[in-house]
Amino acid sequence: MTATAERRSAERPADQVRGRATSTDVAIVLSAVAAMAHLVAVPDHLRWWPASGYAFVVIGALQATLAILLLRTTSTNVILAGLVGNVAVVLLYLVSRTVGLPFSPGVPLHGAQPLPGMPRIPDGDKAVGPLDLLALLAELGTIVVLLGHLPRRARRRAADSLLWCGLAIWSLAVLGALT
C-alpha cells in the first residue's frame, strides 16, 4: 500500500474502508441466524404438518438469500423486500401463537383435543422455545437494521406503515377479534 493510499484509508471510517457498513454486517448475520433457526426446525414441522415444514424451508431459504444479497448490495429494493418478508414472517408467527392458523391442523398439547384453527399455544407462552425466540429476535433485529438503511423518505414511509400495521393489530386485539 502506498503512503497516499494509507493516508486516505486512515482518514475514512473503517466501514468505508471495507466497503460495507457495520450495520449491513449486522443485518447479514441476523438474517442468516433467522434462516438457520427456520431450517433447523424443518424436521419437526414436517412431522407435525408437511406444509409447515415446506414453509419453513422457503422462509429459511429466503432469509439466507437476503443475507447473500446484502453481501452484494444494499439497494432500496433488496432492503424493502427484506423488510416486507421479515414483517410477514413475524406476523405469521404472532398469529400462529395467538389465535392459530385457520388452515392448519390442530396441535394436541397437554392432552387437549386437536381442533383446526386453534392456537398452537393454548396456555400462553409455555410452548415458546429458545429457537422460536432466537428466530423472532433475529427477524425483529433485521427489521430495525434494514429500516436504518432506507433513504430518509422511504424510511419514514416504511416506519409509518409499520406503525399503522401495529395499530391495526392492537385495535383488533382490543375489539376481541384476535381471541
Foldseek 3Di string as FASTA:
>chain_A
DDPVVVVVCVVDPPCVVVPHHVLLVLLLVLLQLLLVLLLVCLVVVCVQPVVSSVVSNVLSVVSNVLSVVSVPDLDPVSLVVLLVSLVVVLVVVVLLQFQRDQPGWFDQDPNDDGDRRHRNHPPHPPPQDPSNVSNNVSSVSSNVSSLVSDPPVVSVVVVVVVVVVVVVVVVCVVVVVRD
